[in-house]
Amino acid sequence: MIRDKVTLKIPRPLYDRLKTVIEGSGFSSVNEFVVYVLRDLMSTGLEDRDDRSRDETEAIRRRLKNLGYF
């Protein structure tokens, strides 16, 4: 049986911050917002590209890690 969705666990403080961020934004849930953000990130890609330096890519990775994504 193939599942359409999986559970992604994030730290409670991050969840609470995201819940505050989305208030009045039009997103109906933290989950909806996180899916939107991750899709956006994946559409731009995180791999090294000619227009993004290695340092910029590492800075993005550090920010995502600090947000609890890695």
PDB file of N, CA and C in Angstrom:
ATOM      1  N   MET A   1       0.836  -1.184   0.000  1.00  0.00           N
ATOM      2  CA  MET A   1       0.000   0.000   0.000  1.00  0.00           C
ATOM      3  C   MET A   1       0.882   1.249   0.000  1.00  0.00           C
ATOM      4  N   ILE A   2       0.697   2.123  -0.955  1.00  0.00           N
ATOM      5  CA  ILE A   2       1.468   3.358  -1.057  1.00  0.00           C
ATOM      6  C   ILE A   2       0.689   4.481  -0.376  1.00  0.00           C
ATOM      7  N   ARG A   3       1.375   5.198   0.480  1.00  0.00           N
ATOM      8  CA  ARG A   3       0.742   6.317   1.181  1.00  0.00           C
ATOM      9  C   ARG A   3       0.969   7.601   0.407  1.00  0.00           C
ATOM     10  N   ASP A   4      -0.036   8.458   0.407  1.00  0.00           N
ATOM     11  CA  ASP A   4       0.081   9.742  -0.277  1.00  0.00           C
ATOM     12  C   ASP A   4       0.816  10.775   0.560  1.00  0.00           C
ATOM     13  N   LYS A   5       0.805  10.603   1.874  1.00  0.00           N
ATOM     14  CA  LYS A   5       1.406  11.590   2.768  1.00  0.00           C
ATOM     15  C   LYS A   5       2.178  10.894   3.874  1.00  0.00           C
ATOM     16  N   VAL A   6       3.122  11.625   4.440  1.00  0.00           N
ATOM     17  CA  VAL A   6       3.890  11.134   5.583  1.00  0.00           C
ATOM     18  C   VAL A   6       3.862  12.189   6.674  1.00  0.00           C
ATOM     19  N   THR A   7       4.219  11.786   7.866  1.00  0.00           N
ATOM     20  CA  THR A   7       4.287  12.714   8.986  1.00  0.00           C
ATOM     21  C   THR A   7       5.701  13.254   9.088  1.00  0.00           C
ATOM     22  N   LEU A   8       5.811  14.559   9.212  1.00  0.00           N
ATOM     23  CA  LEU A   8       7.097  15.219   9.384  1.00  0.00           C
ATOM     24  C   LEU A   8       7.087  15.859  10.761  1.00  0.00           C
ATOM     25  N   LYS A   9       8.019  15.464  11.600  1.00  0.00           N
ATOM     26  CA  LYS A   9       8.050  15.991  12.962  1.00  0.00           C
ATOM     27  C   LYS A   9       8.999  17.177  13.032  1.00  0.00           C
ATOM     28  N   ILE A  10       8.507  18.255  13.640  1.00  0.00           N
ATOM     29  CA  ILE A  10       9.323  19.447  13.847  1.00  0.00           C
ATOM     30  C   ILE A  10       9.254  19.813  15.324  1.00  0.00           C
ATOM     31  N   PRO A  11      10.248  20.528  15.813  1.00  0.00           N
ATOM     32  CA  PRO A  11      10.225  20.923  17.225  1.00  0.00           C
ATOM     33  C   PRO A  11       9.002  21.794  17.541  1.00  0.00           C
ATOM     34  N   ARG A  12       8.427  21.605  18.718  1.00  0.00           N
ATOM     35  CA  ARG A  12       7.238  22.355  19.137  1.00  0.00           C
ATOM     36  C   ARG A  12       7.459  23.868  19.082  1.00  0.00           C
ATOM     37  N   PRO A  13       8.618  24.387  19.547  1.00  0.00           N
ATOM     38  CA  PRO A  13       8.815  25.841  19.469  1.00  0.00           C
ATOM     39  C   PRO A  13       8.765  26.365  18.025  1.00  0.00           C
ATOM     40  N   LEU A  14       9.295  25.592  17.092  1.00  0.00           N
ATOM     41  CA  LEU A  14       9.233  25.994  15.688  1.00  0.00           C
ATOM     42  C   LEU A  14       7.786  25.991  15.210  1.00  0.00           C
ATOM     43  N   TYR A  15       7.049  24.958  15.558  1.00  0.00           N
ATOM     44  CA  TYR A  15       5.631  24.885  15.193  1.00  0.00           C
ATOM     45  C   TYR A  15       4.874  26.096  15.734  1.00  0.00           C
ATOM     46  N   ASP A  16       5.120  26.425  16.995  1.00  0.00           N
ATOM     47  CA  ASP A  16       4.432  27.559  17.611  1.00  0.00           C
ATOM     48  C   ASP A  16       4.777  28.871  16.912  1.00  0.00           C
ATOM     49  N   ARG A  17       6.052  29.038  16.545  1.00  0.00           N
ATOM     50  CA  ARG A  17       6.458  30.252  15.820  1.00  0.00           C
ATOM     51  C   ARG A  17       5.785  30.320  14.461  1.00  0.00           C
ATOM     52  N   LEU A  18       5.738  29.188  13.765  1.00  0.00           N
ATOM     53  CA  LEU A  18       5.097  29.160  12.453  1.00  0.00           C
ATOM     54  C   LEU A  18       3.606  29.447  12.563  1.00  0.00           C
ATOM     55  N   LYS A  19       2.989  28.937  13.607  1.00  0.00           N
ATOM     56  CA  LYS A  19       1.563  29.182  13.824  1.00  0.00           C
ATOM     57  C   LYS A  19       1.301  30.681  13.965  1.00  0.00           C
ATOM     58  N   THR A  20       2.195  31.361  14.667  1.00  0.00           N
ATOM     59  CA  THR A  20       2.075  32.809  14.826  1.00  0.00           C
ATOM     60  C   THR A  20       2.305  33.524  13.496  1.00  0.00           C
ATOM     61  N   VAL A  21       3.286  33.049  12.742  1.00  0.00           N
ATOM     62  CA  VAL A  21       3.630  33.670  11.458  1.00  0.00           C
ATOM     63  C   VAL A  21       2.462  33.614  10.477  1.00  0.00           C
ATOM     64  N   ILE A  22       1.725  32.516  10.462  1.00  0.00           N
ATOM     65  CA  ILE A  22       0.679  32.360   9.444  1.00  0.00           C
ATOM     66  C   ILE A  22      -0.642  33.029   9.808  1.00  0.00           C
ATOM     67  N   GLU A  23      -0.761  33.534  11.030  1.00  0.00           N
ATOM     68  CA  GLU A  23      -2.009  34.185  11.419  1.00  0.00           C
ATOM     69  C   GLU A  23      -2.323  35.326  10.457  1.00  0.00           C
ATOM     70  N   GLY A  24      -3.502  35.280   9.875  1.00  0.00           N
ATOM     71  CA  GLY A  24      -3.935  36.319   8.954  1.00  0.00           C
ATOM     72  C   GLY A  24      -3.287  36.260   7.583  1.00  0.00           C
ATOM     73  N   SER A  25      -2.555  35.186   7.301  1.00  0.00           N
ATOM     74  CA  SER A  25      -1.825  35.098   6.034  1.00  0.00           C
ATOM     75  C   SER A  25      -2.617  34.420   4.925  1.00  0.00           C
ATOM     76  N   GLY A  26      -3.693  33.756   5.287  1.00  0.00           N
ATOM     77  CA  GLY A  26      -4.441  33.012   4.284  1.00  0.00           C
ATOM     78  C   GLY A  26      -4.151  31.521   4.320  1.00  0.00           C
ATOM     79  N   PHE A  27      -3.075  31.124   4.997  1.00  0.00           N
ATOM     80  CA  PHE A  27      -2.800  29.701   5.161  1.00  0.00           C
ATOM     81  C   PHE A  27      -3.708  29.172   6.259  1.00  0.00           C
ATOM     82  N   SER A  28      -4.307  28.014   6.009  1.00  0.00           N
ATOM     83  CA  SER A  28      -5.264  27.482   6.975  1.00  0.00           C
ATOM     84  C   SER A  28      -4.608  26.652   8.070  1.00  0.00           C
ATOM     85  N   SER A  29      -3.335  26.294   7.881  1.00  0.00           N
ATOM     86  CA  SER A  29      -2.647  25.491   8.894  1.00  0.00           C
ATOM     87  C   SER A  29      -1.139  25.622   8.726  1.00  0.00           C
ATOM     88  N   VAL A  30      -0.430  25.242   9.775  1.00  0.00           N
ATOM     89  CA  VAL A  30       1.030  25.217   9.708  1.00  0.00           C
ATOM     90  C   VAL A  30       1.459  24.228   8.637  1.00  0.00           C
ATOM     91  N   ASN A  31       0.789  23.102   8.568  1.00  0.00           N
ATOM     92  CA  ASN A  31       1.120  22.093   7.572  1.00  0.00           C
ATOM     93  C   ASN A  31       1.032  22.664   6.155  1.00  0.00           C
ATOM     94  N   GLU A  32      -0.042  23.375   5.868  1.00  0.00           N
ATOM     95  CA  GLU A  32      -0.213  23.972   4.540  1.00  0.00           C
ATOM     96  C   GLU A  32       0.929  24.943   4.233  1.00  0.00           C
ATOM     97  N   PHE A  33       1.311  25.747   5.217  1.00  0.00           N
ATOM     98  CA  PHE A  33       2.395  26.705   5.042  1.00  0.00           C
ATOM     99  C   PHE A  33       3.729  25.997   4.804  1.00  0.00           C
ATOM    100  N   VAL A  34       4.019  24.978   5.608  1.00  0.00           N
ATOM    101  CA  VAL A  34       5.286  24.251   5.478  1.00  0.00           C
ATOM    102  C   VAL A  34       5.370  23.567   4.116  1.00  0.00           C
ATOM    103  N   VAL A  35       4.288  22.969   3.666  1.00  0.00           N
ATOM    104  CA  VAL A  35       4.281  22.336   2.344  1.00  0.00           C
ATOM    105  C   VAL A  35       4.550  23.385   1.264  1.00  0.00           C
ATOM    106  N   TYR A  36       3.927  24.548   1.387  1.00  0.00           N
ATOM    107  CA  TYR A  36       4.145  25.631   0.426  1.00  0.00           C
ATOM    108  C   TYR A  36       5.619  26.047   0.397  1.00  0.00           C
ATOM    109  N   VAL A  37       6.195  26.264   1.576  1.00  0.00           N
ATOM    110  CA  VAL A  37       7.590  26.703   1.664  1.00  0.00           C
ATOM    111  C   VAL A  37       8.530  25.645   1.101  1.00  0.00           C
ATOM    112  N   LEU A  38       8.317  24.397   1.463  1.00  0.00           N
ATOM    113  CA  LEU A  38       9.199  23.332   0.979  1.00  0.00           C
ATOM    114  C   LEU A  38       9.080  23.148  -0.530  1.00  0.00           C
ATOM    115  N   ARG A  39       7.877  23.239  -1.058  1.00  0.00           N
ATOM    116  CA  ARG A  39       7.715  23.148  -2.521  1.00  0.00           C
ATOM    117  C   ARG A  39       8.442  24.289  -3.213  1.00  0.00           C
ATOM    118  N   ASP A  40       8.337  25.481  -2.635  1.00  0.00           N
ATOM    119  CA  ASP A  40       9.019  26.638  -3.208  1.00  0.00           C
ATOM    120  C   ASP A  40      10.533  26.439  -3.183  1.00  0.00           C
ATOM    121  N   LEU A  41      11.050  25.964  -2.056  1.00  0.00           N
ATOM    122  CA  LEU A  41      12.491  25.716  -1.952  1.00  0.00           C
ATOM    123  C   LEU A  41      12.948  24.658  -2.948  1.00  0.00           C
ATOM    124  N   MET A  42      12.170  23.616  -3.090  1.00  0.00           N
ATOM    125  CA  MET A  42      12.560  22.539  -3.988  1.00  0.00           C
ATOM    126  C   MET A  42      12.458  22.962  -5.450  1.00  0.00           C
ATOM    127  N   SER A  43      11.571  23.879  -5.753  1.00  0.00           N
ATOM    128  CA  SER A  43      11.451  24.327  -7.142  1.00  0.00           C
ATOM    129  C   SER A  43      12.647  25.177  -7.550  1.00  0.00           C
ATOM    130  N   THR A  44      13.260  25.862  -6.581  1.00  0.00           N
ATOM    131  CA  THR A  44      14.447  26.657  -6.886  1.00  0.00           C
ATOM    132  C   THR A  44      15.706  25.831  -6.740  1.00  0.00           C
ATOM    133  N   GLY A  45      15.639  24.756  -5.986  1.00  0.00           N
ATOM    134  CA  GLY A  45      16.777  23.862  -5.812  1.00  0.00           C
ATOM    135  C   GLY A  45      17.775  24.387  -4.804  1.00  0.00           C
ATOM    136  N   LEU A  46      18.436  23.472  -4.131  1.00  0.00           N
ATOM    137  CA  LEU A  46      19.460  23.841  -3.161  1.00  0.00           C
ATOM    138  C   LEU A  46      20.854  23.452  -3.636  1.00  0.00           C
ATOM    139  N   GLU A  47      20.929  22.746  -4.747  1.00  0.00           N
ATOM    140  CA  GLU A  47      22.228  22.314  -5.235  1.00  0.00           C
ATOM    141  C   GLU A  47      23.034  23.510  -5.730  1.00  0.00           C
ATOM    142  N   ASP A  48      24.322  23.347  -5.747  1.00  0.00           N
ATOM    143  CA  ASP A  48      25.191  24.417  -6.241  1.00  0.00           C
ATOM    144  C   ASP A  48      24.878  24.679  -7.710  1.00  0.00           C
ATOM    145  N   ARG A  49      24.678  25.937  -8.017  1.00  0.00           N
ATOM    146  CA  ARG A  49      24.428  26.341  -9.396  1.00  0.00           C
ATOM    147  C   ARG A  49      25.412  27.439  -9.740  1.00  0.00           C
ATOM    148  N   ASP A  50      25.496  27.737 -11.022  1.00  0.00           N
ATOM    149  CA  ASP A  50      26.422  28.774 -11.468  1.00  0.00           C
ATOM    150  C   ASP A  50      26.107  30.136 -10.858  1.00  0.00           C
ATOM    151  N   ASP A  51      24.818  30.417 -10.613  1.00  0.00           N
ATOM    152  CA  ASP A  51      24.445  31.736 -10.106  1.00  0.00           C
ATOM    153  C   ASP A  51      24.404  31.805  -8.581  1.00  0.00           C
ATOM    154  N   ARG A  52      24.781  30.726  -7.918  1.00  0.00           N
ATOM    155  CA  ARG A  52      24.813  30.720  -6.453  1.00  0.00           C
ATOM    156  C   ARG A  52      26.154  30.147  -6.007  1.00  0.00           C
ATOM    157  N   SER A  53      26.846  30.891  -5.195  1.00  0.00           N
ATOM    158  CA  SER A  53      28.150  30.431  -4.740  1.00  0.00           C
ATOM    159  C   SER A  53      27.994  29.330  -3.694  1.00  0.00           C
ATOM    160  N   ARG A  54      29.058  28.625  -3.460  1.00  0.00           N
ATOM    161  CA  ARG A  54      29.060  27.577  -2.437  1.00  0.00           C
ATOM    162  C   ARG A  54      28.741  28.180  -1.071  1.00  0.00           C
ATOM    163  N   ASP A  55      29.276  29.375  -0.795  1.00  0.00           N
ATOM    164  CA  ASP A  55      29.014  30.039   0.486  1.00  0.00           C
ATOM    165  C   ASP A  55      27.531  30.368   0.644  1.00  0.00           C
ATOM    166  N   GLU A  56      26.903  30.830  -0.436  1.00  0.00           N
ATOM    167  CA  GLU A  56      25.473  31.139  -0.375  1.00  0.00           C
ATOM    168  C   GLU A  56      24.652  29.880  -0.119  1.00  0.00           C
ATOM    169  N   THR A  57      25.024  28.791  -0.778  1.00  0.00           N
ATOM    170  CA  THR A  57      24.321  27.526  -0.579  1.00  0.00           C
ATOM    171  C   THR A  57      24.471  27.054   0.858  1.00  0.00           C
ATOM    172  N   GLU A  58      25.669  27.162   1.404  1.00  0.00           N
ATOM    173  CA  GLU A  58      25.892  26.755   2.794  1.00  0.00           C
ATOM    174  C   GLU A  58      25.119  27.651   3.759  1.00  0.00           C
ATOM    175  N   ALA A  59      25.015  28.933   3.451  1.00  0.00           N
ATOM    176  CA  ALA A  59      24.244  29.846   4.302  1.00  0.00           C
ATOM    177  C   ALA A  59      22.772  29.439   4.307  1.00  0.00           C
ATOM    178  N   ILE A  60      22.250  29.057   3.155  1.00  0.00           N
ATOM    179  CA  ILE A  60      20.859  28.595   3.066  1.00  0.00           C
ATOM    180  C   ILE A  60      20.684  27.329   3.895  1.00  0.00           C
ATOM    181  N   ARG A  61      21.617  26.406   3.761  1.00  0.00           N
ATOM    182  CA  ARG A  61      21.533  25.160   4.532  1.00  0.00           C
ATOM    183  C   ARG A  61      21.563  25.436   6.040  1.00  0.00           C
ATOM    184  N   ARG A  62      22.427  26.364   6.468  1.00  0.00           N
ATOM    185  CA  ARG A  62      22.500  26.710   7.897  1.00  0.00           C
ATOM    186  C   ARG A  62      21.183  27.311   8.378  1.00  0.00           C
ATOM    187  N   ARG A  63      20.602  28.195   7.575  1.00  0.00           N
ATOM    188  CA  ARG A  63      19.327  28.812   7.968  1.00  0.00           C
ATOM    189  C   ARG A  63      18.230  27.759   8.078  1.00  0.00           C
ATOM    190  N   LEU A  64      18.180  26.841   7.116  1.00  0.00           N
ATOM    191  CA  LEU A  64      17.176  25.778   7.174  1.00  0.00           C
ATOM    192  C   LEU A  64      17.398  24.879   8.384  1.00  0.00           C
ATOM    193  N   LYS A  65      18.659  24.602   8.701  1.00  0.00           N
ATOM    194  CA  LYS A  65      18.958  23.784   9.877  1.00  0.00           C
ATOM    195  C   LYS A  65      18.509  24.503  11.143  1.00  0.00           C
ATOM    196  N   ASN A  66      18.777  25.803  11.228  1.00  0.00           N
ATOM    197  CA  ASN A  66      18.358  26.582  12.393  1.00  0.00           C
ATOM    198  C   ASN A  66      16.841  26.630  12.531  1.00  0.00           C
ATOM    199  N   LEU A  67      16.142  26.512  11.413  1.00  0.00           N
ATOM    200  CA  LEU A  67      14.681  26.488  11.445  1.00  0.00           C
ATOM    201  C   LEU A  67      14.135  25.096  11.760  1.00  0.00           C
ATOM    202  N   GLY A  68      15.034  24.115  11.819  1.00  0.00           N
ATOM    203  CA  GLY A  68      14.610  22.770  12.184  1.00  0.00           C
ATOM    204  C   GLY A  68      14.326  21.848  11.021  1.00  0.00           C
ATOM    205  N   TYR A  69      14.688  22.244   9.801  1.00  0.00           N
ATOM    206  CA  TYR A  69      14.403  21.406   8.640  1.00  0.00           C
ATOM    207  C   TYR A  69      15.446  20.329   8.409  1.00  0.00           C
ATOM    208  N   PHE A  70      16.654  20.515   8.918  1.00  0.00           N
ATOM    209  CA  PHE A  70      17.699  19.496   8.758  1.00  0.00           C
ATOM    210  C   PHE A  70      18.111  19.003  10.110  1.00  0.00           C
TER     211      PHE A  70
END
